[in-house]
Protein backbone atom coordinates (compact mmCIF):
# COMPACT_ATOMS: atom_id res chain seq x y z
CA MET A 1 -3.54 -24.49 10.68
CA PRO A 2 -5.74 -23.33 7.82
CA ALA A 3 -4.96 -24.52 4.31
CA GLN A 4 -6.42 -21.82 2.99
CA LEU A 5 -7.61 -18.37 3.85
CA GLY A 6 -10.68 -16.07 2.21
CA GLY A 7 -11.26 -18.80 -0.07
CA ARG A 8 -8.10 -17.66 -2.44
CA TYR A 9 -4.76 -17.61 -0.14
CA GLU A 10 -3.20 -20.66 -0.31
CA ILE A 11 -0.92 -21.35 3.13
CA GLY A 12 2.39 -22.91 2.47
CA GLU A 13 5.70 -23.17 4.50
CA LEU A 14 6.74 -20.98 8.10
CA LEU A 15 8.81 -17.75 6.83
CA GLY A 16 9.13 -16.63 10.51
CA ARG A 17 7.58 -16.71 13.88
CA GLY A 18 7.07 -13.73 16.09
CA GLY A 19 5.92 -12.84 19.24
CA MET A 20 2.80 -11.34 17.75
CA ALA A 21 2.39 -13.14 14.30
CA GLU A 22 3.94 -16.19 12.04
CA VAL A 23 4.31 -15.44 8.54
CA HIS A 24 3.66 -17.88 5.74
CA GLN A 25 4.63 -18.11 2.34
CA GLY A 26 1.54 -18.56 0.38
CA ARG A 27 -0.14 -18.33 -2.75
CA ASP A 28 -2.79 -16.54 -4.43
CA ALA A 29 -4.56 -18.65 -6.52
CA ARG A 30 -7.06 -16.29 -7.97
CA LEU A 31 -3.76 -14.36 -9.59
CA GLY A 32 -1.71 -16.73 -9.24
CA ARG A 33 1.16 -15.17 -7.73
CA THR A 34 3.41 -16.05 -4.67
CA VAL A 35 2.65 -13.74 -1.55
CA ALA A 36 3.24 -13.56 2.35
CA VAL A 37 0.89 -14.44 4.55
CA LYS A 38 1.25 -13.10 8.26
CA MET A 39 -1.61 -14.76 10.48
CA LEU A 40 -1.80 -12.69 13.89
CA ARG A 41 -1.62 -14.67 17.40
CA PRO A 42 -4.60 -16.52 18.51
CA ASP A 43 -4.43 -14.36 22.18
CA LEU A 44 -4.57 -10.86 20.13
CA ALA A 45 -6.76 -12.25 17.54
CA ARG A 46 -9.74 -12.97 20.14
CA ASP A 47 -8.97 -9.24 21.21
CA PRO A 48 -12.30 -7.21 19.76
CA SER A 49 -10.22 -3.85 20.47
CA PHE A 50 -7.00 -5.34 18.67
CA GLN A 51 -8.55 -6.54 16.29
CA ALA A 52 -10.77 -3.12 15.31
CA ARG A 53 -7.45 -1.52 15.70
CA PHE A 54 -5.57 -3.82 13.54
CA ARG A 55 -8.21 -3.50 10.68
CA ARG A 56 -7.46 -0.06 10.80
CA GLU A 57 -3.67 0.47 10.89
CA ALA A 58 -3.81 -2.14 8.31
CA HIS A 59 -6.04 0.01 5.83
CA SER A 60 -3.42 2.75 6.05
CA ALA A 61 -0.74 0.29 5.48
CA ALA A 62 -2.53 -0.72 2.72
CA SER A 63 -2.34 2.73 1.09
CA LEU A 64 1.08 3.02 1.44
CA ASN A 65 2.81 2.05 -2.39
CA HIS A 66 6.41 3.17 -2.55
CA PRO A 67 9.61 1.18 -3.64
CA SER A 68 11.33 0.99 -0.15
CA VAL A 69 7.70 -0.68 1.61
CA VAL A 70 6.49 -3.90 1.62
CA ALA A 71 3.10 -3.86 -0.38
CA VAL A 72 0.12 -5.14 1.51
CA TYR A 73 -2.26 -6.51 -1.04
CA ASP A 74 -5.29 -7.25 1.35
CA THR A 75 -6.19 -7.64 4.87
CA GLY A 76 -9.16 -9.82 5.94
CA GLU A 77 -10.75 -12.87 8.33
CA ASP A 78 -11.23 -16.13 8.33
CA GLU A 79 -11.87 -18.64 10.92
CA PHE A 80 -10.06 -21.73 11.90
CA ALA A 81 -11.53 -24.34 14.53
CA GLY A 82 -14.11 -22.06 15.93
CA ASN A 83 -11.52 -18.93 15.87
CA PRO A 84 -11.06 -16.00 14.07
CA VAL A 85 -7.77 -15.77 12.16
CA PRO A 86 -7.09 -12.29 11.10
CA TYR A 87 -4.64 -11.91 8.65
CA ILE A 88 -2.65 -10.11 6.00
CA VAL A 89 -1.22 -10.60 2.44
CA MET A 90 1.99 -9.24 1.38
CA GLU A 91 4.50 -8.55 -0.93
CA HIS A 92 6.47 -11.45 -0.79
CA VAL A 93 10.38 -10.75 -0.78
CA GLU A 94 13.17 -12.96 -1.74
CA GLY A 95 16.18 -11.53 0.82
CA SER A 96 16.75 -11.74 4.65
CA THR A 97 16.25 -9.01 7.47
CA LEU A 98 18.56 -7.12 9.30
CA ARG A 99 17.90 -9.34 12.19
CA ASP A 100 19.03 -12.21 10.27
CA LEU A 101 22.48 -10.32 8.99
CA LEU A 102 23.01 -9.15 12.55
CA ALA A 103 22.53 -13.07 14.12
CA SER A 104 24.65 -14.56 11.84
CA GLY A 105 27.79 -11.73 12.86
CA ARG A 106 28.46 -9.93 9.85
CA ARG A 107 29.87 -6.66 10.75
CA LEU A 108 29.31 -3.79 7.64
CA VAL A 109 31.09 -1.33 7.12
CA PRO A 110 30.51 2.16 8.04
CA GLU A 111 29.00 3.08 4.39
CA ARG A 112 26.86 0.35 4.19
CA ALA A 113 24.91 0.62 7.24
CA LEU A 114 25.04 4.54 6.03
CA GLU A 115 23.31 3.12 2.72
CA ILE A 116 20.63 1.28 4.42
CA THR A 117 19.75 3.40 7.27
CA ASP A 118 19.25 5.79 4.14
CA GLY A 119 16.51 3.14 2.50
CA VAL A 120 14.73 3.03 6.02
CA LEU A 121 14.25 6.92 5.94
CA ASN A 122 13.25 6.78 2.22
CA ALA A 123 10.23 4.46 3.49
CA LEU A 124 9.58 6.71 6.37
CA ALA A 125 9.73 9.90 4.52
CA TYR A 126 7.03 8.84 2.32
CA SER A 127 5.02 7.54 5.52
CA HIS A 128 5.24 10.36 7.19
CA GLN A 129 3.88 12.63 4.36
CA GLN A 130 0.92 10.22 4.23
CA GLY A 131 0.34 10.61 7.82
CA ILE A 132 1.42 6.99 8.90
CA VAL A 133 4.17 6.60 11.74
CA HIS A 134 5.84 3.40 12.12
CA ARG A 135 6.49 2.75 15.47
CA ASP A 136 8.45 -0.40 15.58
CA ILE A 137 11.52 0.62 13.18
CA LYS A 138 13.88 -2.48 14.41
CA PRO A 139 15.99 -4.94 12.53
CA ALA A 140 13.68 -7.53 12.57
CA ASN A 141 11.27 -5.09 10.03
CA VAL A 142 13.78 -3.95 7.43
CA MET A 143 14.38 -6.31 5.02
CA LEU A 144 17.18 -6.42 2.35
CA THR A 145 16.47 -8.20 -1.21
CA ARG A 146 18.52 -10.18 -2.93
CA ASP A 147 19.87 -6.89 -4.94
CA GLY A 148 20.28 -5.82 -1.77
CA GLU A 149 17.44 -3.10 -1.69
CA VAL A 150 15.76 -2.12 1.49
CA LYS A 151 12.23 -3.05 2.00
CA VAL A 152 10.63 -1.85 5.30
CA MET A 153 7.58 -3.61 6.88
CA ASP A 154 4.62 -3.84 9.07
CA PHE A 155 3.66 -0.71 9.34
CA GLY A 156 0.86 0.24 11.98
CA ILE A 157 0.61 -3.56 13.40
CA ALA A 158 2.89 -2.13 16.46
CA ARG A 159 0.79 0.57 16.74
CA ALA A 160 -2.71 -2.15 16.78
CA VAL A 161 -0.32 -3.80 19.59
CA ALA A 162 0.07 -0.88 21.67
CA ASP A 163 -3.48 0.15 21.67
CA THR A 164 -4.56 -3.08 23.59
CA GLY A 165 -2.77 -2.59 26.30
CA ALA A 166 0.57 -4.75 25.44
CA THR A 167 3.37 -3.92 28.07
CA MET A 168 7.23 -4.12 27.32
CA THR A 169 6.87 -7.03 29.90
CA GLN A 170 4.75 -9.02 28.13
CA THR A 171 6.49 -11.58 25.63
CA SER A 172 10.11 -12.23 24.46
CA ALA A 173 9.33 -10.42 21.25
CA VAL A 174 8.70 -6.80 23.09
CA ILE A 175 11.47 -7.30 24.90
CA GLY A 176 13.23 -6.99 22.12
CA THR A 177 11.23 -4.01 20.32
CA ALA A 178 11.98 -2.07 23.76
CA GLN A 179 16.25 -1.86 22.60
CA TYR A 180 14.40 0.71 19.99
CA LEU A 181 11.68 2.39 21.89
CA SER A 182 11.91 6.20 22.01
CA PRO A 183 11.60 7.95 25.28
CA GLU A 184 8.31 9.31 24.44
CA GLN A 185 6.83 5.92 23.51
CA ALA A 186 8.90 4.58 27.10
CA ARG A 187 6.71 7.25 28.74
CA GLY A 188 3.71 6.38 27.75
CA GLU A 189 3.20 10.28 25.51
CA GLN A 190 1.91 10.73 21.99
CA VAL A 191 4.35 9.65 19.55
CA ASP A 192 5.00 11.55 15.84
CA ALA A 193 7.62 10.94 13.11
CA ARG A 194 10.40 11.95 15.10
CA SER A 195 9.42 8.75 17.14
CA ASP A 196 10.52 7.25 14.11
CA ILE A 197 14.10 9.08 13.97
CA TYR A 198 14.61 7.87 16.81
CA SER A 199 14.12 4.00 16.39
CA THR A 200 16.39 4.36 12.96
CA GLY A 201 18.92 6.08 15.09
CA CYS A 202 18.86 2.17 17.53
CA LEU A 203 18.87 0.76 14.18
CA LEU A 204 21.73 2.76 12.82
CA TYR A 205 23.70 2.20 16.22
CA GLU A 206 23.51 -1.70 15.93
CA LEU A 207 24.38 -1.32 12.49
CA LEU A 208 27.67 0.16 13.34
CA THR A 209 28.40 -1.58 16.61
CA GLY A 210 26.56 -4.93 16.29
CA ARG A 211 25.00 -3.89 19.81
CA PRO A 212 22.08 -1.49 20.53
CA PRO A 213 22.41 1.34 22.53
CA PHE A 214 20.85 0.20 25.57
CA VAL A 215 20.95 -3.03 27.06
CA GLY A 216 19.95 -4.27 29.96
CA ASP A 217 18.36 -7.29 32.55
CA SER A 218 14.94 -6.65 31.69
CA PRO A 219 12.69 -4.50 29.36
CA VAL A 220 11.85 -2.17 32.15
CA SER A 221 15.55 -1.26 32.34
CA VAL A 222 16.48 -0.57 29.15
CA ALA A 223 13.21 1.84 28.56
CA TYR A 224 14.24 3.47 31.73
CA GLN A 225 17.69 3.86 30.06
CA HIS A 226 16.69 5.25 27.12
CA VAL A 227 14.19 7.83 29.46
CA ARG A 228 17.65 9.05 31.52
CA GLU A 229 20.49 7.41 30.17
CA GLU A 230 22.77 9.34 27.46
CA PRO A 231 23.89 6.87 24.70
CA VAL A 232 27.58 6.09 24.76
CA PRO A 233 29.25 7.03 21.26
CA PRO A 234 29.30 4.55 18.52
CA SER A 235 33.41 4.99 18.08
CA GLU A 236 33.55 3.28 21.64
CA PHE A 237 32.61 0.37 20.50
CA ASP A 238 34.53 0.44 17.04
CA PRO A 239 37.27 2.73 16.46
CA ASP A 240 36.43 2.53 12.74
CA VAL A 241 33.17 4.86 12.73
CA PRO A 242 33.61 7.88 11.85
CA ALA A 243 33.07 11.10 13.66
CA ASN A 244 30.36 11.68 11.59
CA ALA A 245 28.41 8.90 11.87
CA ASP A 246 29.05 9.38 15.18
CA ALA A 247 27.42 12.94 15.11
CA ILE A 248 24.25 11.41 13.12
CA VAL A 249 23.74 8.90 15.50
CA LEU A 250 23.41 11.11 18.60
CA LYS A 251 21.66 13.66 16.99
CA ALA A 252 18.84 10.90 16.21
CA LEU A 253 18.84 9.79 19.61
CA ALA A 254 18.42 12.83 21.50
CA LYS A 255 16.17 12.95 24.59
CA ASP A 256 14.46 15.89 23.70
CA ARG A 257 12.37 14.98 20.09
CA ALA A 258 12.73 18.91 19.71
CA HIS A 259 17.07 18.18 19.63
CA ARG A 260 16.46 15.53 16.96
CA TYR A 261 16.24 15.75 13.35
CA GLN A 262 12.73 16.72 12.73
CA SER A 263 12.37 14.91 9.40
CA ALA A 264 13.24 11.64 7.99
CA GLY A 265 14.49 13.73 4.98
CA GLU A 266 16.71 16.24 7.39
CA MET A 267 18.44 12.67 8.65
CA ARG A 268 18.86 11.66 4.67
CA ALA A 269 20.49 14.75 3.79
CA ASP A 270 23.41 14.25 6.79
CA ILE A 271 23.59 10.89 5.82
CA ALA A 272 23.86 12.03 2.00
CA ALA A 273 26.81 14.65 3.05
CA ALA A 274 28.73 11.94 5.16
CA LEU A 275 28.50 9.41 2.09
CA ALA A 276 30.29 12.10 -0.09
CA GLY A 277 32.84 13.13 2.67
CA ARG A 278 31.16 16.42 3.55
CA GLN A 279 30.49 18.30 6.86
CA VAL A 280 27.36 16.89 8.32
CA ALA A 281 25.34 19.57 10.03
CA ALA A 282 24.11 17.42 13.52
CA PRO A 283 27.62 18.35 16.27
CA ALA A 284 30.24 16.71 16.75
CA ALA A 285 29.87 13.95 19.35
CA SER A 286 30.99 15.94 23.37
CA ALA A 287 33.66 15.04 25.84
CA THR A 288 31.24 14.26 28.15
CA GLN A 289 29.21 11.56 26.11
CA ARG A 290 32.54 9.81 25.24
CA ILE A 291 32.36 7.56 28.59
CA ASP A 292 32.90 3.81 29.58
CA GLN A 293 30.16 2.00 28.35
CA THR A 294 29.84 -0.32 32.06
CA SER A 295 28.51 3.23 33.20
CA VAL A 296 25.48 3.48 31.08
CA ILE A 297 24.16 -0.20 31.96
CA GLY A 298 21.53 0.58 35.02
CA ARG A 299 20.49 -1.92 37.55
CA THR A 300 17.30 -0.32 38.09
CA SER A 301 15.69 -3.55 37.31
CA ALA A 302 17.81 -6.28 38.80
CA ILE A 303 16.84 -8.47 41.49
CA PRO A 304 19.38 -10.69 42.88
CA THR A 305 17.83 -14.45 43.13
CA VAL A 306 18.92 -17.04 45.80
CA LEU A 307 18.71 -20.65 44.92
CA PRO A 308 18.63 -23.24 47.54
CA GLU A 309 21.51 -25.50 48.11
CA GLU A 310 21.24 -27.60 46.19
CA ASP A 311 20.55 -31.83 47.77
CA PRO A 312 23.42 -34.26 47.20
CA ARG A 313 21.22 -36.45 45.47
CA GLU A 314 20.30 -34.07 42.91
CA ARG A 315 24.02 -33.01 42.29
CA ARG A 316 24.50 -36.82 41.28
CA ASP A 317 22.33 -36.87 38.96
CA GLY A 318 23.15 -33.31 37.90
CA ARG A 319 19.23 -32.50 36.63
CA GLY A 320 16.81 -32.14 39.58
CA GLY A 321 18.96 -29.16 41.47
CA ARG A 322 19.26 -27.28 37.86
CA ALA A 323 15.21 -27.66 36.89
CA PHE A 324 14.08 -26.55 40.82
CA ALA A 325 16.74 -23.60 40.23
CA TYR A 326 15.26 -22.59 36.70
CA LEU A 327 11.62 -22.84 38.42
CA LEU A 328 12.66 -20.52 40.93
CA LEU A 329 14.15 -18.00 38.19
CA GLY A 330 11.15 -18.34 36.04
CA LEU A 331 9.13 -17.05 39.49
CA ALA A 332 11.72 -14.63 39.93
CA VAL A 333 11.18 -13.36 36.26
CA VAL A 334 7.69 -13.48 36.37
CA ALA A 335 7.87 -11.55 39.70
CA VAL A 336 9.98 -8.87 37.82
CA PHE A 337 7.49 -8.58 35.42
CA VAL A 338 4.36 -7.87 37.51
CA ILE A 339 6.46 -5.54 39.44
CA ALA A 340 7.04 -3.47 35.88
CA ALA A 341 4.12 -3.96 35.53
CA LEU A 342 2.55 -2.27 38.82
CA LEU A 343 5.45 0.67 39.07
CA GLY A 344 6.60 0.73 35.41
CA ARG A 345 4.51 4.04 35.37
CA ASN A 346 5.61 5.86 38.22
CA LEU A 347 9.35 4.36 37.16
CA LEU A 348 9.25 6.27 33.31
CA GLY A 349 8.01 9.77 35.03
CA GLY A 350 4.46 8.15 35.04
CA GLY A 351 2.06 8.76 38.19
CA GLY A 352 -0.56 10.20 39.47
CA GLY A 353 -3.42 8.39 41.70
CA GLU A 354 -6.72 11.09 41.08
CA THR A 355 -9.06 9.85 38.43
CA VAL A 356 -11.56 11.54 36.32
CA ARG A 357 -14.61 10.82 34.24
CA VAL A 358 -13.71 10.84 30.35
CA PRO A 359 -16.02 13.08 28.82
CA ASP A 360 -18.09 12.90 25.44
CA LEU A 361 -16.10 14.09 21.98
CA THR A 362 -18.26 12.10 19.40
CA GLY A 363 -19.39 14.40 17.01
CA LEU A 364 -16.47 16.80 18.09
CA THR A 365 -13.73 18.33 16.00
CA VAL A 366 -10.19 17.87 16.85
CA GLU A 367 -10.08 21.46 18.32
CA GLN A 368 -12.77 20.78 20.09
CA ALA A 369 -12.23 17.74 21.77
CA GLN A 370 -8.45 18.70 22.82
CA ARG A 371 -10.31 21.78 24.71
CA THR A 372 -12.94 19.36 26.04
CA LEU A 373 -10.30 16.96 27.48
CA ARG A 374 -7.59 19.75 29.00
CA ALA A 375 -10.54 20.95 30.97
CA GLU A 376 -11.15 17.55 32.39
CA GLY A 377 -7.04 17.22 33.06
CA LEU A 378 -6.59 14.84 29.76
CA ARG A 379 -4.67 15.46 26.68
CA LEU A 380 -5.53 13.89 23.25
CA GLY A 381 -3.49 10.67 22.08
CA GLU A 382 -3.63 9.11 18.98
CA GLN A 383 -6.06 10.39 16.14
CA THR A 384 -6.88 7.79 13.47
CA GLN A 385 -8.42 8.43 10.36
CA GLU A 386 -11.35 6.52 9.05
CA PRO A 387 -14.68 6.88 6.78
CA SER A 388 -18.17 7.83 7.73
CA GLU A 389 -21.45 8.15 5.77
CA GLN A 390 -22.60 9.12 8.88
CA VAL A 391 -20.43 10.97 10.55
CA PRO A 392 -18.89 14.58 8.88
CA GLU A 393 -15.37 14.60 7.91
CA GLY A 394 -13.10 16.48 10.93
CA SER A 395 -15.70 15.43 13.47
CA ILE A 396 -14.83 12.27 16.14
CA ILE A 397 -16.35 9.34 14.97
CA SER A 398 -15.23 7.54 18.08
CA GLN A 399 -13.61 7.34 21.36
CA THR A 400 -10.93 4.84 23.45
CA PRO A 401 -11.57 4.85 26.46
CA GLU A 402 -14.86 5.26 26.00
CA ASP A 403 -17.16 8.12 27.76
CA ALA A 404 -18.25 7.83 31.41
CA ASN A 405 -14.83 5.97 32.33
CA GLU A 406 -12.90 6.80 34.79
CA VAL A 407 -9.37 7.34 34.31
CA GLU A 408 -5.87 8.65 36.13
CA LYS A 409 -5.84 12.74 35.60
CA GLY A 410 -3.50 13.16 32.44
CA SER A 411 -4.65 10.38 30.57
CA LEU A 412 -4.34 10.10 26.68
CA VAL A 413 -8.02 9.89 24.56
CA ASP A 414 -7.36 8.29 21.51
CA VAL A 415 -9.98 9.59 18.56
CA VAL A 416 -10.99 8.21 15.40
CA VAL A 417 -11.57 11.52 13.13
CA SER A 418 -13.82 10.73 10.03
CA THR A 419 -12.48 11.39 6.64
CA GLY A 420 -16.37 11.95 5.06
CA VAL A 421 -17.93 9.32 2.66
CA GLU A 422 -15.24 6.74 1.68
CA GLU A 423 -14.18 7.13 -2.13
CA THR A 424 -13.02 5.21 -4.52
CA VAL A 425 -11.80 5.90 -8.41
CA VAL A 426 -13.58 4.16 -11.19
CA PRO A 427 -11.22 1.66 -12.56
CA THR A 428 -10.53 0.96 -16.80
CA LEU A 429 -13.42 -0.81 -18.03
CA VAL A 430 -13.43 -0.25 -21.75
CA GLY A 431 -12.28 -3.63 -23.43
CA LEU A 432 -13.48 -5.69 -20.69
CA SER A 433 -16.17 -8.24 -20.89
CA ILE A 434 -19.44 -7.13 -18.82
CA ASP A 435 -18.62 -10.44 -16.05
CA GLU A 436 -15.22 -9.05 -16.06
CA ALA A 437 -15.88 -5.49 -15.49
CA ARG A 438 -18.46 -6.55 -12.70
CA GLN A 439 -15.81 -8.11 -10.90
CA ALA A 440 -13.48 -5.36 -11.44
CA LEU A 441 -16.28 -2.98 -9.99
CA ARG A 442 -16.87 -5.49 -6.83
CA GLU A 443 -13.06 -5.36 -6.36
CA ALA A 444 -13.23 -1.12 -6.12
CA ASP A 445 -16.47 -1.52 -3.95
CA LEU A 446 -18.66 -0.18 -6.90
CA GLU A 447 -21.81 -1.04 -8.36
CA LEU A 448 -22.98 -2.56 -11.78
CA GLY A 449 -25.47 0.04 -12.78
CA ASN A 450 -27.73 -0.19 -16.05
CA THR A 451 -26.08 -1.64 -19.13
CA THR A 452 -27.03 -0.98 -22.58
CA GLN A 453 -26.18 -2.41 -25.79
CA VAL A 454 -25.00 -0.39 -28.73
CA PRO A 455 -24.22 -0.98 -31.86
CA SER A 456 -20.35 -1.04 -31.79
CA ARG A 457 -17.42 -3.03 -34.16
CA GLU A 458 -15.89 -4.55 -30.52
CA PRO A 459 -17.05 -8.20 -30.18
CA ARG A 460 -20.68 -8.43 -28.56
CA GLY A 461 -20.08 -8.02 -25.04
CA THR A 462 -17.49 -6.63 -24.79
CA VAL A 463 -17.87 -2.72 -22.43
CA THR A 464 -17.31 0.47 -24.97
CA LYS A 465 -18.50 3.21 -22.77
CA VAL A 466 -18.73 3.71 -19.17
CA GLU A 467 -20.14 6.32 -16.89
CA PRO A 468 -18.79 8.02 -14.41
CA LYS A 469 -15.67 8.33 -16.61
CA GLU A 470 -12.91 5.57 -15.85
CA GLY A 471 -10.47 7.57 -13.33
CA LYS A 472 -13.02 9.54 -11.60
CA SER A 473 -13.35 9.47 -8.05
CA VAL A 474 -17.08 8.80 -6.57
CA GLU A 475 -18.34 7.38 -3.55
CA VAL A 476 -18.17 3.85 -2.43
CA GLY A 477 -20.69 1.71 -3.27
CA GLU A 478 -21.71 4.01 -6.46
CA SER A 479 -23.42 2.35 -9.53
CA VAL A 480 -21.37 2.98 -12.74
CA ASN A 481 -23.39 2.18 -15.74
CA LEU A 482 -22.03 0.78 -18.86
CA ARG A 483 -22.72 0.34 -23.12
CA TYR A 484 -21.49 -2.18 -24.29
CA ALA A 485 -21.04 -4.10 -27.77
CA SER A 486 -24.51 -6.06 -29.28
CA GLY A 487 -22.75 -7.69 -31.78
CA SER A 488 -23.96 -5.80 -34.46
CA ASN A 489 -22.88 -2.73 -36.22
CA ARG A 490 -24.75 -0.03 -38.29
CA VAL A 491 -23.69 -0.34 -41.85
CA PRO A 492 -21.36 3.07 -43.18
CA ASN A 493 -22.94 5.42 -45.74
CA LEU A 494 -20.31 4.36 -48.64
CA GLU A 495 -21.82 6.26 -51.30
CA GLY A 496 -18.84 9.10 -53.27
CA ARG A 497 -16.32 6.81 -51.41
CA THR A 498 -13.71 4.87 -53.77
CA GLU A 499 -13.24 1.59 -54.00
CA SER A 500 -10.11 1.23 -51.60
CA GLU A 501 -11.94 3.55 -49.09
CA ALA A 502 -15.39 1.81 -48.94
CA ARG A 503 -13.03 -1.82 -48.38
CA SER A 504 -11.17 0.34 -45.11
CA VAL A 505 -14.70 1.62 -44.04
CA LEU A 506 -16.43 -1.60 -43.76
CA GLU A 507 -13.28 -3.34 -42.50
CA ASP A 508 -13.21 -1.29 -39.75
CA ALA A 509 -16.61 -1.04 -38.53
CA GLY A 510 -16.32 -4.78 -38.58
CA PHE A 511 -18.34 -5.96 -41.77
CA VAL A 512 -16.90 -8.35 -44.96
CA ALA A 513 -16.54 -6.02 -48.36
CA GLY A 514 -18.25 -8.33 -50.96
CA GLN A 515 -18.05 -8.12 -54.70
CA SER A 516 -18.45 -4.72 -56.36
CA SER A 517 -20.21 -4.39 -59.80
CA THR A 518 -20.37 -1.04 -61.80
CA ARG A 519 -23.38 0.65 -63.77
CA GLU A 520 -23.20 3.54 -66.68
CA THR A 521 -23.49 6.46 -65.22
CA ARG A 522 -23.10 10.25 -65.86
CA ALA A 523 -24.68 11.40 -62.11
CA ALA A 524 -21.36 10.43 -60.49
CA ASP A 525 -17.56 10.38 -60.79
CA PRO A 526 -16.17 7.30 -62.31
CA GLY A 527 -15.23 4.83 -58.94
CA THR A 528 -16.74 6.01 -56.87
CA VAL A 529 -19.99 4.04 -54.96
CA ILE A 530 -23.39 4.97 -56.32
CA ASP A 531 -25.40 2.04 -54.52
CA GLN A 532 -24.38 -0.19 -51.90
CA SER A 533 -26.44 -3.76 -49.97
CA PRO A 534 -27.31 -3.40 -47.23
CA GLY A 535 -28.52 0.40 -47.18
CA ALA A 536 -26.54 2.77 -45.01
CA ARG A 537 -27.67 2.75 -41.60
CA GLN A 538 -29.00 -0.67 -41.39
CA SER A 539 -28.34 -2.46 -38.37
CA LEU A 540 -26.03 -5.99 -39.67
CA ARG A 541 -23.98 -8.47 -37.45
CA LEU A 542 -20.46 -8.22 -37.31
CA GLY A 543 -18.81 -10.16 -40.03
CA SER A 544 -21.69 -9.76 -42.58
CA THR A 545 -20.83 -9.07 -46.18
CA VAL A 546 -21.50 -5.55 -47.80
CA THR A 547 -21.63 -5.44 -51.46
CA PHE A 548 -21.33 -1.99 -53.42
CA VAL A 549 -21.69 -0.54 -56.80
CA LEU A 550 -19.04 1.40 -58.74
CA ALA A 551 -19.79 4.48 -61.19
CA VAL A 552 -18.01 3.99 -64.80
CA ALA A 553 -18.62 6.36 -67.60
CA PRO A 554 -20.67 5.17 -70.03
CA PRO A 555 -18.96 5.20 -74.20
CA PRO A 556 -19.50 8.49 -76.39
CA PRO A 557 -22.10 8.06 -78.43
CA THR A 558 -21.44 7.26 -82.09
CA GLU A 559 -22.10 9.73 -85.21
CA THR A 560 -24.62 9.34 -88.45
CA PRO A 561 -22.94 9.70 -91.78
CA THR A 562 -24.22 12.64 -94.17
CA PRO A 563 -24.79 11.51 -97.61
CA THR A 564 -22.72 13.76 -100.20
CA PRO A 565 -24.42 15.36 -103.33
CA THR A 566 -23.17 14.50 -106.57
CA PRO A 567 -23.00 16.91 -109.40
CA THR A 568 -25.85 17.49 -111.08
CA THR A 569 -26.83 16.80 -115.46
CA THR A 570 -29.45 17.79 -118.18
CA ASP A 571 -32.06 15.26 -119.70
CA THR A 572 -33.03 15.65 -123.60
CA GLY A 573 -36.29 17.74 -122.15
CA GLY A 574 -34.12 20.68 -121.11
CA THR A 575 -35.09 19.55 -117.31
CA PRO A 576 -31.59 18.83 -114.58
CA SER A 577 -31.87 16.40 -113.10
CA PRO A 578 -29.92 15.57 -109.95
CA THR A 579 -28.04 12.40 -109.39
CA VAL A 580 -27.41 10.82 -106.40
CA THR A 581 -24.18 8.50 -105.55
CA PRO A 582 -24.84 5.73 -103.17
CA PRO A 583 -23.02 5.79 -100.45
């Protein structure tokens, strides 16, 4: 077991184990948060086709962002002991699965069972709007948080397993899945959102009664019942189940998907009506459906196993006979699985034998592919979307099986359809350092383009402008140009400002206002700046001091006094002579 994956995810204790994968508690060393890390089983991880499907489906699951969906944070592939280790990093949810709840023997009141199912449908309604069908709704894939909230997980992962040819007879984990299989899945037909509705109906059935709607001796037996047998109303097992809950379950479990709820929202509406005590839209369970449950469990796959008589010596020690019997029983089970694998298709309504050559669909539109396949007696299967730089949007990138392969007439051909050039969104970068911006661009699958220093009041190296703009959708790999603070700024023009205004402007520009001085002048309003140092528009390192000169009015001029004349007098010669009084 690797101690770390992807250079950042530390692997901790085992949280759960299934037939397909193990889930460990982990720690994201980069972000410092607790996560759940799912690692695929080695035998599946070595299958190239599974890896390709798994990556596509994990990418789809990661695109889901909803409170009722366990978030997928990251996916990747590492190597351990020479073998590939595909992994998925998910939200770590404190709580337990519905499988744990059912295994504990706890019984839910019908109202709580309906509430939990509504939470599952809430998640499905969102995923179906995004074009993603879960395909594996079951108690093990639904979690209840400690607050009682519902979280659905493993979106798309079951589809990856199904695409590699995994059958209902492969593992005990798949046997459990067969109990929630829709009839169209059992017949190998294309699934849609209504297949998830059927599986959710199976889940609600078990929450109400403590048992799934169909049980049998083998997965094939259970699958046969999904295709052919009508379910017993839940109230036959628990009289406390109200009639409207019976009606909801039986409509969800209709064999013909056209008779089921056509959307998760439609089923939620009936559940809301039932919880409010109103009439539901689903028809009431008919009398013909209220049959004894023993008639539902078929014997189609029961194969009697004859064990030899015990040797007296074996009987005495009590071990040899049992071991030999278990060995034969195991061989019989293997035989059942082999027979089921060979005959299961005919048992579930398939068949044929005539083979045809698969045509080349690459480059065609979906409509063209449907016509081409129909002409060859084939059907279009699952359509997966994937971005492509080479293939135009809406055209087929690849197909499974590939062209020129011989397949049975009526087989499905899955295709991967181009969504065009993959796009991403320019992240928020203003305010980050250049190194932080480079990392954010890398995580958004973008490249750092030209970087230009500009005057700014921001600290040196801080991003001040982004082109293309933040939040804009661009092609993956596109270059983003940045402007960042040089650590200097241009000195603002202070002329004509008051002292308080000048100090505020300097502070906003990243400078320190120095001691002001004054100068007498009649050319400016008193108290306003008439000069500064350094001058306006000069580049100056942030934190530098700028001084300025304020205008003051000169004092008013003083007036020179005018001499005051005194009265004149006449001397003895008769000529008047002025008399001046000294000041």
